[in-house]
C-alpha atoms as a PDB file:
ATOM      1  CA  MET A   1     -53.250 -84.362  -8.957  1.00  0.00           C
ATOM      2  CA  GLU A   2     -53.982 -88.084  -9.107  1.00  0.00           C
ATOM      3  CA  ILE A   3     -50.663 -88.956 -10.781  1.00  0.00           C
ATOM      4  CA  VAL A   4     -48.723 -86.813  -8.314  1.00  0.00           C
ATOM      5  CA  PHE A   5     -50.493 -88.326  -5.324  1.00  0.00           C
ATOM      6  CA  ASN A   6     -50.143 -91.897  -6.577  1.00  0.00           C
ATOM      7  CA  PHE A   7     -46.459 -91.538  -7.344  1.00  0.00           C
ATOM      8  CA  LEU A   8     -45.564 -89.843  -4.076  1.00  0.00           C
ATOM      9  CA  HIS A   9     -47.773 -92.062  -1.928  1.00  0.00           C
ATOM     10  CA  ASN A  10     -46.964 -95.393  -3.591  1.00  0.00           C
ATOM     11  CA  ASP A  11     -43.762 -95.214  -5.635  1.00  0.00           C
ATOM     12  CA  SER A  12     -41.381 -92.617  -4.218  1.00  0.00           C
ATOM     13  CA  TYR A  13     -38.765 -93.529  -1.628  1.00  0.00           C
ATOM     14  CA  TRP A  14     -39.055 -90.149   0.088  1.00  0.00           C
ATOM     15  CA  ALA A  15     -42.809 -89.662   0.465  1.00  0.00           C
ATOM     16  CA  GLN A  16     -44.266 -93.149   0.601  1.00  0.00           C
ATOM     17  CA  GLY A  17     -47.468 -93.118   2.598  1.00  0.00           C
ATOM     18  CA  ARG A  18     -47.868 -89.333   2.451  1.00  0.00           C
ATOM     19  CA  SER A  19     -51.585 -88.588   2.783  1.00  0.00           C
ATOM     20  CA  ARG A  20     -53.661 -87.064  -0.005  1.00  0.00           C
ATOM     21  CA  GLU A  21     -54.400 -84.053   2.207  1.00  0.00           C
ATOM     22  CA  THR A  22     -50.681 -83.459   2.765  1.00  0.00           C
ATOM     23  CA  VAL A  23     -49.880 -83.811  -0.948  1.00  0.00           C
ATOM     24  CA  GLU A  24     -52.678 -81.424  -1.880  1.00  0.00           C
ATOM     25  CA  ARG A  25     -51.617 -78.846   0.717  1.00  0.00           C
ATOM     26  CA  SER A  26     -47.946 -79.081  -0.280  1.00  0.00           C
ATOM     27  CA  VAL A  27     -48.775 -78.632  -3.969  1.00  0.00           C
ATOM     28  CA  ALA A  28     -51.125 -75.717  -3.258  1.00  0.00           C
ATOM     29  CA  ASN A  29     -48.353 -73.893  -1.379  1.00  0.00           C
ATOM     30  CA  SER A  30     -45.534 -74.450  -3.866  1.00  0.00           C
ATOM     31  CA  LEU A  31     -44.449 -73.338  -7.304  1.00  0.00           C
ATOM     32  CA  CYS A  32     -45.213 -76.506  -9.273  1.00  0.00           C
ATOM     33  CA  PHE A  33     -43.973 -77.800 -12.595  1.00  0.00           C
ATOM     34  CA  THR A  34     -45.560 -80.596 -14.588  1.00  0.00           C
ATOM     35  CA  LEU A  35     -44.264 -82.417 -17.633  1.00  0.00           C
ATOM     36  CA  LEU A  36     -46.756 -83.645 -20.231  1.00  0.00           C
ATOM     37  CA  ASP A  37     -46.287 -86.073 -23.102  1.00  0.00           C
ATOM     38  CA  SER A  38     -47.605 -85.450 -26.634  1.00  0.00           C
ATOM     39  CA  THR A  39     -51.099 -86.603 -25.572  1.00  0.00           C
ATOM     40  CA  ASP A  40     -51.149 -84.252 -22.555  1.00  0.00           C
ATOM     41  CA  LYS A  41     -50.670 -87.119 -20.087  1.00  0.00           C
ATOM     42  CA  GLN A  42     -48.697 -86.014 -17.040  1.00  0.00           C
ATOM     43  CA  VAL A  43     -45.390 -87.898 -16.964  1.00  0.00           C
ATOM     44  CA  GLY A  44     -43.319 -85.772 -14.601  1.00  0.00           C
ATOM     45  CA  PHE A  45     -43.571 -83.323 -11.739  1.00  0.00           C
ATOM     46  CA  ALA A  46     -41.503 -81.137  -9.434  1.00  0.00           C
ATOM     47  CA  ARG A  47     -42.183 -78.386  -6.967  1.00  0.00           C
ATOM     48  CA  VAL A  48     -40.215 -75.536  -5.480  1.00  0.00           C
ATOM     49  CA  ILE A  49     -40.707 -73.965  -2.073  1.00  0.00           C
ATOM     50  CA  THR A  50     -39.301 -70.438  -2.173  1.00  0.00           C
ATOM     51  CA  ASP A  51     -39.418 -66.866  -0.974  1.00  0.00           C
ATOM     52  CA  TYR A  52     -38.578 -65.782  -4.567  1.00  0.00           C
ATOM     53  CA  ALA A  53     -35.601 -63.762  -3.319  1.00  0.00           C
ATOM     54  CA  VAL A  54     -33.059 -65.684  -1.274  1.00  0.00           C
ATOM     55  CA  PHE A  55     -33.853 -69.381  -0.951  1.00  0.00           C
ATOM     56  CA  ALA A  56     -35.493 -72.206  -2.882  1.00  0.00           C
ATOM     57  CA  TRP A  57     -35.937 -75.884  -2.036  1.00  0.00           C
ATOM     58  CA  LEU A  58     -36.459 -78.239  -4.975  1.00  0.00           C
ATOM     59  CA  LEU A  59     -38.415 -81.353  -4.097  1.00  0.00           C
ATOM     60  CA  ASP A  60     -40.842 -84.087  -5.109  1.00  0.00           C
ATOM     61  CA  VAL A  61     -39.147 -84.383  -8.508  1.00  0.00           C
ATOM     62  CA  PHE A  62     -40.141 -87.427 -10.534  1.00  0.00           C
ATOM     63  CA  ILE A  63     -40.524 -88.828 -14.020  1.00  0.00           C
ATOM     64  CA  LEU A  64     -42.833 -91.840 -14.389  1.00  0.00           C
ATOM     65  CA  ASP A  65     -40.931 -95.102 -14.922  1.00  0.00           C
ATOM     66  CA  ASN A  66     -42.016 -95.626 -18.545  1.00  0.00           C
ATOM     67  CA  TYR A  67     -40.637 -92.198 -19.507  1.00  0.00           C
ATOM     68  CA  ARG A  68     -37.231 -92.368 -17.830  1.00  0.00           C
ATOM     69  CA  GLY A  69     -34.082 -92.367 -19.885  1.00  0.00           C
ATOM     70  CA  LEU A  70     -35.504 -89.961 -22.477  1.00  0.00           C
ATOM     71  CA  GLY A  71     -33.920 -86.765 -21.152  1.00  0.00           C
ATOM     72  CA  LEU A  72     -37.175 -85.592 -19.590  1.00  0.00           C
ATOM     73  CA  GLY A  73     -35.640 -85.115 -16.146  1.00  0.00           C
ATOM     74  CA  LYS A  74     -33.087 -82.752 -17.684  1.00  0.00           C
ATOM     75  CA  LYS A  75     -35.854 -80.901 -19.500  1.00  0.00           C
ATOM     76  CA  LEU A  76     -37.830 -80.525 -16.277  1.00  0.00           C
ATOM     77  CA  ILE A  77     -34.874 -79.271 -14.222  1.00  0.00           C
ATOM     78  CA  THR A  78     -33.778 -76.895 -17.005  1.00  0.00           C
ATOM     79  CA  THR A  79     -37.288 -75.424 -17.112  1.00  0.00           C
ATOM     80  CA  ILE A  80     -37.241 -74.895 -13.353  1.00  0.00           C
ATOM     81  CA  MET A  81     -33.762 -73.366 -13.265  1.00  0.00           C
ATOM     82  CA  GLU A  82     -34.657 -70.992 -16.139  1.00  0.00           C
ATOM     83  CA  HIS A  83     -37.994 -69.889 -14.683  1.00  0.00           C
ATOM     84  CA  PRO A  84     -37.996 -66.065 -14.656  1.00  0.00           C
ATOM     85  CA  ASP A  85     -39.362 -65.799 -11.108  1.00  0.00           C
ATOM     86  CA  LEU A  86     -36.451 -67.860  -9.757  1.00  0.00           C
ATOM     87  CA  GLN A  87     -33.518 -65.991 -11.288  1.00  0.00           C
ATOM     88  CA  GLN A  88     -32.740 -63.969  -8.144  1.00  0.00           C
ATOM     89  CA  ILE A  89     -32.429 -67.001  -5.853  1.00  0.00           C
ATOM     90  CA  LYS A  90     -29.114 -66.950  -3.994  1.00  0.00           C
ATOM     91  CA  ARG A  91     -29.274 -70.438  -2.503  1.00  0.00           C
ATOM     92  CA  TRP A  92     -30.927 -73.604  -3.767  1.00  0.00           C
ATOM     93  CA  ALA A  93     -31.245 -76.840  -1.837  1.00  0.00           C
ATOM     94  CA  LEU A  94     -32.518 -80.335  -2.467  1.00  0.00           C
ATOM     95  CA  GLY A  95     -32.207 -83.847  -1.154  1.00  0.00           C
ATOM     96  CA  THR A  96     -31.625 -86.930  -3.277  1.00  0.00           C
ATOM     97  CA  LYS A  97     -30.615 -90.520  -2.774  1.00  0.00           C
ATOM     98  CA  ASP A  98     -29.867 -91.421  -6.372  1.00  0.00           C
ATOM     99  CA  ALA A  99     -29.831 -88.456  -8.781  1.00  0.00           C
ATOM    100  CA  HIS A 100     -26.630 -86.650  -7.830  1.00  0.00           C
ATOM    101  CA  GLY A 101     -25.331 -86.799 -11.414  1.00  0.00           C
ATOM    102  CA  LEU A 102     -28.394 -85.046 -12.798  1.00  0.00           C
ATOM    103  CA  TYR A 103     -28.348 -82.227 -10.277  1.00  0.00           C
ATOM    104  CA  LYS A 104     -24.575 -81.740 -10.516  1.00  0.00           C
ATOM    105  CA  LYS A 105     -25.119 -80.611 -14.139  1.00  0.00           C
ATOM    106  CA  TYR A 106     -27.148 -77.707 -12.754  1.00  0.00           C
ATOM    107  CA  GLY A 107     -24.571 -76.571 -10.222  1.00  0.00           C
ATOM    108  CA  PHE A 108     -25.773 -78.520  -7.196  1.00  0.00           C
ATOM    109  CA  LYS A 109     -23.066 -79.987  -4.977  1.00  0.00           C
ATOM    110  CA  PRO A 110     -22.762 -81.416  -1.483  1.00  0.00           C
ATOM    111  CA  LEU A 111     -23.193 -78.944   1.362  1.00  0.00           C
ATOM    112  CA  ALA A 112     -20.077 -76.833   1.869  1.00  0.00           C
ATOM    113  CA  HIS A 113     -20.600 -76.865   5.635  1.00  0.00           C
ATOM    114  CA  PRO A 114     -22.954 -79.686   6.612  1.00  0.00           C
ATOM    115  CA  GLU A 115     -21.965 -79.124  10.237  1.00  0.00           C
ATOM    116  CA  ASN A 116     -23.886 -75.831  10.063  1.00  0.00           C
ATOM    117  CA  MET A 117     -27.117 -77.478   8.959  1.00  0.00           C
ATOM    118  CA  MET A 118     -29.767 -78.797  11.310  1.00  0.00           C
ATOM    119  CA  GLU A 119     -33.180 -80.317  10.944  1.00  0.00           C
ATOM    120  CA  ARG A 120     -36.178 -80.970  13.150  1.00  0.00           C
ATOM    121  CA  ARG A 121     -38.270 -84.084  12.663  1.00  0.00           C
ATOM    122  CA  PRO A 122     -41.087 -84.061  15.203  1.00  0.00           C
ATOM    123  CA  TYR A 123     -42.336 -87.491  14.175  1.00  0.00           C
END
């Protein structure tokens, strides 16, 4: 949990400043994936929020800086997309600022009808 918290809280552009309590609660209520190196050190992470039937949101995906460029992001996303409990999902979503090329390889594309989408940000 320490690596996940530190990365999200300190290094990510999307979750900087997220509290430990929030990270812990979000992880506890998600289907989580971790990537380990040959010494069992955690080097990557992702989580999926889903109902296991219709919808899944992929988020908090990261590979530690020293391990980028080795194909580990592809390995992580492939593992998620091939997970047996996620094969019935009809609609996947995610948000990214800089990894469009990676996700495009897995069938992700811009929203077909962004005008139909809304969000609520109470803070």
